[in-house]
Amino acid sequence: MADIVDTAVKANSFSTLVAALKAANLVDTLKGKGPFTVFAPTDEAFAKLPAGTVDGLLKDIPQLKKILTYHVVSGKVMAADVTKLKSAKTVEGSEVKIDASQGVKVNNSTVTTPDVAADNGVIHIIDTVLMPA
């Protein structure tokens, strides 16, 4: 298997996320021992942001880091475990809301593909970029 970053690269639908991780200097962290649970927005999810948002974030590394770490939870939390949670504390420090009443929603984002396994954790693919308060 591959680590979280290599798994995302191989999937070919996370080029914006991978570019953001590189810009924020988080690649080595997510290649680390972990385990990590990453709610990974697709390129389409980033495309839903208002025009210029991604470019602006690539120039504001502290804010970019805050947003990216808001997508990461410590530990390997599989979908079966996620469905039992009402919230989860992110690496950024605040919590994401979890609603498993109809599929799984994390804040206002839907998990489109759960449980993408990686050597150092798991990826849950989401359709909307999560924004911390």
C-alpha atoms as a PDB file:
ATOM      1  CA  MET A   1       0.000   0.000   0.000  1.00  0.00           C
ATOM      2  CA  ALA A   2       0.974   3.673  -0.051  1.00  0.00           C
ATOM      3  CA  ASP A   3       0.791   6.488   2.475  1.00  0.00           C
ATOM      4  CA  ILE A   4      -2.016   9.049   2.440  1.00  0.00           C
ATOM      5  CA  VAL A   5      -0.225  11.502   0.122  1.00  0.00           C
ATOM      6  CA  ASP A   6       0.836   8.854  -2.406  1.00  0.00           C
ATOM      7  CA  THR A   7      -2.658   7.341  -2.329  1.00  0.00           C
ATOM      8  CA  ALA A   8      -4.135  10.782  -3.105  1.00  0.00           C
ATOM      9  CA  VAL A   9      -1.633  11.353  -5.933  1.00  0.00           C
ATOM     10  CA  LYS A  10      -2.434   7.960  -7.510  1.00  0.00           C
ATOM     11  CA  ALA A  11      -6.183   8.659  -7.409  1.00  0.00           C
ATOM     12  CA  ASN A  12      -5.763  11.524  -9.927  1.00  0.00           C
ATOM     13  CA  SER A  13      -8.678  13.492  -8.463  1.00  0.00           C
ATOM     14  CA  PHE A  14      -6.800  15.383  -5.749  1.00  0.00           C
ATOM     15  CA  SER A  15      -4.277  17.535  -7.647  1.00  0.00           C
ATOM     16  CA  THR A  16      -5.515  20.727  -5.936  1.00  0.00           C
ATOM     17  CA  LEU A  17      -5.347  19.100  -2.500  1.00  0.00           C
ATOM     18  CA  VAL A  18      -1.843  17.736  -3.150  1.00  0.00           C
ATOM     19  CA  ALA A  19      -0.650  21.135  -4.447  1.00  0.00           C
ATOM     20  CA  ALA A  20      -2.087  22.787  -1.329  1.00  0.00           C
ATOM     21  CA  LEU A  21      -0.399  20.214   0.948  1.00  0.00           C
ATOM     22  CA  LYS A  22       2.924  20.926  -0.773  1.00  0.00           C
ATOM     23  CA  ALA A  23       2.453  24.702  -0.465  1.00  0.00           C
ATOM     24  CA  ALA A  24       1.570  24.391   3.234  1.00  0.00           C
ATOM     25  CA  ASN A  25       4.544  22.105   3.930  1.00  0.00           C
ATOM     26  CA  LEU A  26       2.247  19.307   5.161  1.00  0.00           C
ATOM     27  CA  VAL A  27       3.355  16.531   2.795  1.00  0.00           C
ATOM     28  CA  ASP A  28       5.991  15.121   5.182  1.00  0.00           C
ATOM     29  CA  THR A  29       3.481  15.196   8.042  1.00  0.00           C
ATOM     30  CA  LEU A  30       0.896  13.182   6.083  1.00  0.00           C
ATOM     31  CA  LYS A  31       3.610  10.791   4.904  1.00  0.00           C
ATOM     32  CA  GLY A  32       4.511  10.306   8.583  1.00  0.00           C
ATOM     33  CA  LYS A  33       3.663   7.472  10.913  1.00  0.00           C
ATOM     34  CA  GLY A  34       0.115   8.618  11.733  1.00  0.00           C
ATOM     35  CA  PRO A  35      -2.355   7.153  11.761  1.00  0.00           C
ATOM     36  CA  PHE A  36      -4.462   9.900  10.233  1.00  0.00           C
ATOM     37  CA  THR A  37      -8.012  10.171   8.999  1.00  0.00           C
ATOM     38  CA  VAL A  38      -8.283  12.649   6.130  1.00  0.00           C
ATOM     39  CA  PHE A  39     -11.537  14.051   4.790  1.00  0.00           C
ATOM     40  CA  ALA A  40     -10.167  14.689   1.298  1.00  0.00           C
ATOM     41  CA  PRO A  41     -11.941  17.161  -0.989  1.00  0.00           C
ATOM     42  CA  THR A  42     -11.724  16.316  -4.690  1.00  0.00           C
ATOM     43  CA  ASP A  43     -10.633  18.757  -7.376  1.00  0.00           C
ATOM     44  CA  GLU A  44     -14.360  19.284  -8.076  1.00  0.00           C
ATOM     45  CA  ALA A  45     -14.864  20.266  -4.421  1.00  0.00           C
ATOM     46  CA  PHE A  46     -12.128  22.903  -4.698  1.00  0.00           C
ATOM     47  CA  ALA A  47     -13.683  24.096  -7.983  1.00  0.00           C
ATOM     48  CA  LYS A  48     -16.910  24.907  -6.073  1.00  0.00           C
ATOM     49  CA  LEU A  49     -15.087  27.579  -4.024  1.00  0.00           C
ATOM     50  CA  PRO A  50     -15.526  31.180  -5.170  1.00  0.00           C
ATOM     51  CA  ALA A  51     -13.169  32.208  -7.980  1.00  0.00           C
ATOM     52  CA  GLY A  52      -9.723  33.160  -6.700  1.00  0.00           C
ATOM     53  CA  THR A  53     -10.118  31.409  -3.326  1.00  0.00           C
ATOM     54  CA  VAL A  54      -7.525  28.696  -3.989  1.00  0.00           C
ATOM     55  CA  ASP A  55      -5.010  31.177  -5.422  1.00  0.00           C
ATOM     56  CA  GLY A  56      -5.553  33.439  -2.423  1.00  0.00           C
ATOM     57  CA  LEU A  57      -4.996  30.556  -0.006  1.00  0.00           C
ATOM     58  CA  LEU A  58      -1.795  29.513  -1.773  1.00  0.00           C
ATOM     59  CA  LYS A  59      -0.503  33.006  -0.917  1.00  0.00           C
ATOM     60  CA  ASP A  60      -1.758  32.862   2.715  1.00  0.00           C
ATOM     61  CA  ILE A  61       0.070  29.814   4.059  1.00  0.00           C
ATOM     62  CA  PRO A  62      -1.086  30.160   7.720  1.00  0.00           C
ATOM     63  CA  GLN A  63      -4.750  30.198   6.600  1.00  0.00           C
ATOM     64  CA  LEU A  64      -4.119  27.393   4.100  1.00  0.00           C
ATOM     65  CA  LYS A  65      -2.531  25.268   6.863  1.00  0.00           C
ATOM     66  CA  LYS A  66      -5.506  25.973   9.128  1.00  0.00           C
ATOM     67  CA  ILE A  67      -7.983  24.831   6.453  1.00  0.00           C
ATOM     68  CA  LEU A  68      -5.990  21.726   5.504  1.00  0.00           C
ATOM     69  CA  THR A  69      -5.472  20.574   9.109  1.00  0.00           C
ATOM     70  CA  TYR A  70      -9.240  21.064   9.605  1.00  0.00           C
ATOM     71  CA  HIS A  71      -9.635  18.110   7.205  1.00  0.00           C
ATOM     72  CA  VAL A  72      -7.471  15.784   9.347  1.00  0.00           C
ATOM     73  CA  VAL A  73      -8.383  13.806  12.467  1.00  0.00           C
ATOM     74  CA  SER A  74      -5.770  11.933  14.504  1.00  0.00           C
ATOM     75  CA  GLY A  75      -6.148   8.172  14.432  1.00  0.00           C
ATOM     76  CA  LYS A  76      -7.601   5.794  11.868  1.00  0.00           C
ATOM     77  CA  VAL A  77     -11.356   6.330  11.954  1.00  0.00           C
ATOM     78  CA  MET A  78     -13.110   3.960   9.559  1.00  0.00           C
ATOM     79  CA  ALA A  79     -16.612   4.669   8.221  1.00  0.00           C
ATOM     80  CA  ALA A  80     -18.190   2.210  10.660  1.00  0.00           C
ATOM     81  CA  ASP A  81     -16.711   4.299  13.507  1.00  0.00           C
ATOM     82  CA  VAL A  82     -17.497   7.666  11.900  1.00  0.00           C
ATOM     83  CA  THR A  83     -21.196   6.786  11.782  1.00  0.00           C
ATOM     84  CA  LYS A  84     -21.229   6.486  15.599  1.00  0.00           C
ATOM     85  CA  LEU A  85     -19.816   9.990  16.108  1.00  0.00           C
ATOM     86  CA  LYS A  86     -21.611  13.336  16.370  1.00  0.00           C
ATOM     87  CA  SER A  87     -18.371  15.298  15.983  1.00  0.00           C
ATOM     88  CA  ALA A  88     -14.625  14.793  15.700  1.00  0.00           C
ATOM     89  CA  LYS A  89     -11.741  16.968  16.869  1.00  0.00           C
ATOM     90  CA  THR A  90      -9.484  17.958  13.972  1.00  0.00           C
ATOM     91  CA  VAL A  91      -5.730  18.463  13.982  1.00  0.00           C
ATOM     92  CA  GLU A  92      -6.508  22.174  13.484  1.00  0.00           C
ATOM     93  CA  GLY A  93      -8.049  22.162  16.969  1.00  0.00           C
ATOM     94  CA  SER A  94     -11.750  22.697  16.384  1.00  0.00           C
ATOM     95  CA  GLU A  95     -14.410  20.092  15.708  1.00  0.00           C
ATOM     96  CA  VAL A  96     -16.260  19.005  12.596  1.00  0.00           C
ATOM     97  CA  LYS A  97     -19.909  18.033  12.920  1.00  0.00           C
ATOM     98  CA  ILE A  98     -20.816  14.513  11.781  1.00  0.00           C
ATOM     99  CA  ASP A  99     -24.305  13.469  10.719  1.00  0.00           C
ATOM    100  CA  ALA A 100     -24.800   9.848   9.683  1.00  0.00           C
ATOM    101  CA  SER A 101     -28.606   9.936   9.474  1.00  0.00           C
ATOM    102  CA  GLN A 102     -28.624   9.862   5.636  1.00  0.00           C
ATOM    103  CA  GLY A 103     -25.250   8.779   4.335  1.00  0.00           C
ATOM    104  CA  VAL A 104     -22.425  10.587   6.111  1.00  0.00           C
ATOM    105  CA  LYS A 105     -22.085  14.344   6.213  1.00  0.00           C
ATOM    106  CA  VAL A 106     -19.108  16.176   7.693  1.00  0.00           C
ATOM    107  CA  ASN A 107     -20.301  19.734   8.338  1.00  0.00           C
ATOM    108  CA  ASN A 108     -21.932  20.598   4.990  1.00  0.00           C
ATOM    109  CA  SER A 109     -19.948  18.084   2.945  1.00  0.00           C
ATOM    110  CA  THR A 110     -21.025  14.588   1.909  1.00  0.00           C
ATOM    111  CA  VAL A 111     -18.664  11.615   2.097  1.00  0.00           C
ATOM    112  CA  THR A 112     -18.827  10.238  -1.448  1.00  0.00           C
ATOM    113  CA  THR A 113     -16.299   7.407  -0.972  1.00  0.00           C
ATOM    114  CA  PRO A 114     -15.443   6.142   2.519  1.00  0.00           C
ATOM    115  CA  ASP A 115     -12.557   3.988   3.704  1.00  0.00           C
ATOM    116  CA  VAL A 116      -9.844   4.516   1.086  1.00  0.00           C
ATOM    117  CA  ALA A 117      -7.076   2.617   2.866  1.00  0.00           C
ATOM    118  CA  ALA A 118      -3.509   3.905   3.197  1.00  0.00           C
ATOM    119  CA  ASP A 119      -0.477   2.603   5.092  1.00  0.00           C
ATOM    120  CA  ASN A 120      -0.722   5.383   7.674  1.00  0.00           C
ATOM    121  CA  GLY A 121      -4.463   5.904   7.937  1.00  0.00           C
ATOM    122  CA  VAL A 122      -7.605   6.267   5.908  1.00  0.00           C
ATOM    123  CA  ILE A 123      -9.103   8.742   3.437  1.00  0.00           C
ATOM    124  CA  HIS A 124     -12.789   9.575   3.197  1.00  0.00           C
ATOM    125  CA  ILE A 125     -13.489  11.417  -0.070  1.00  0.00           C
ATOM    126  CA  ILE A 126     -15.759  14.461   0.331  1.00  0.00           C
ATOM    127  CA  ASP A 127     -17.540  16.709  -2.159  1.00  0.00           C
ATOM    128  CA  THR A 128     -17.054  20.107  -0.451  1.00  0.00           C
ATOM    129  CA  VAL A 129     -14.046  21.838   1.092  1.00  0.00           C
ATOM    130  CA  LEU A 130     -14.470  22.184   4.874  1.00  0.00           C
ATOM    131  CA  MET A 131     -13.928  25.683   6.260  1.00  0.00           C
ATOM    132  CA  PRO A 132     -13.123  26.224   9.945  1.00  0.00           C
ATOM    133  CA  ALA A 133     -15.166  28.904  11.730  1.00  0.00           C
END
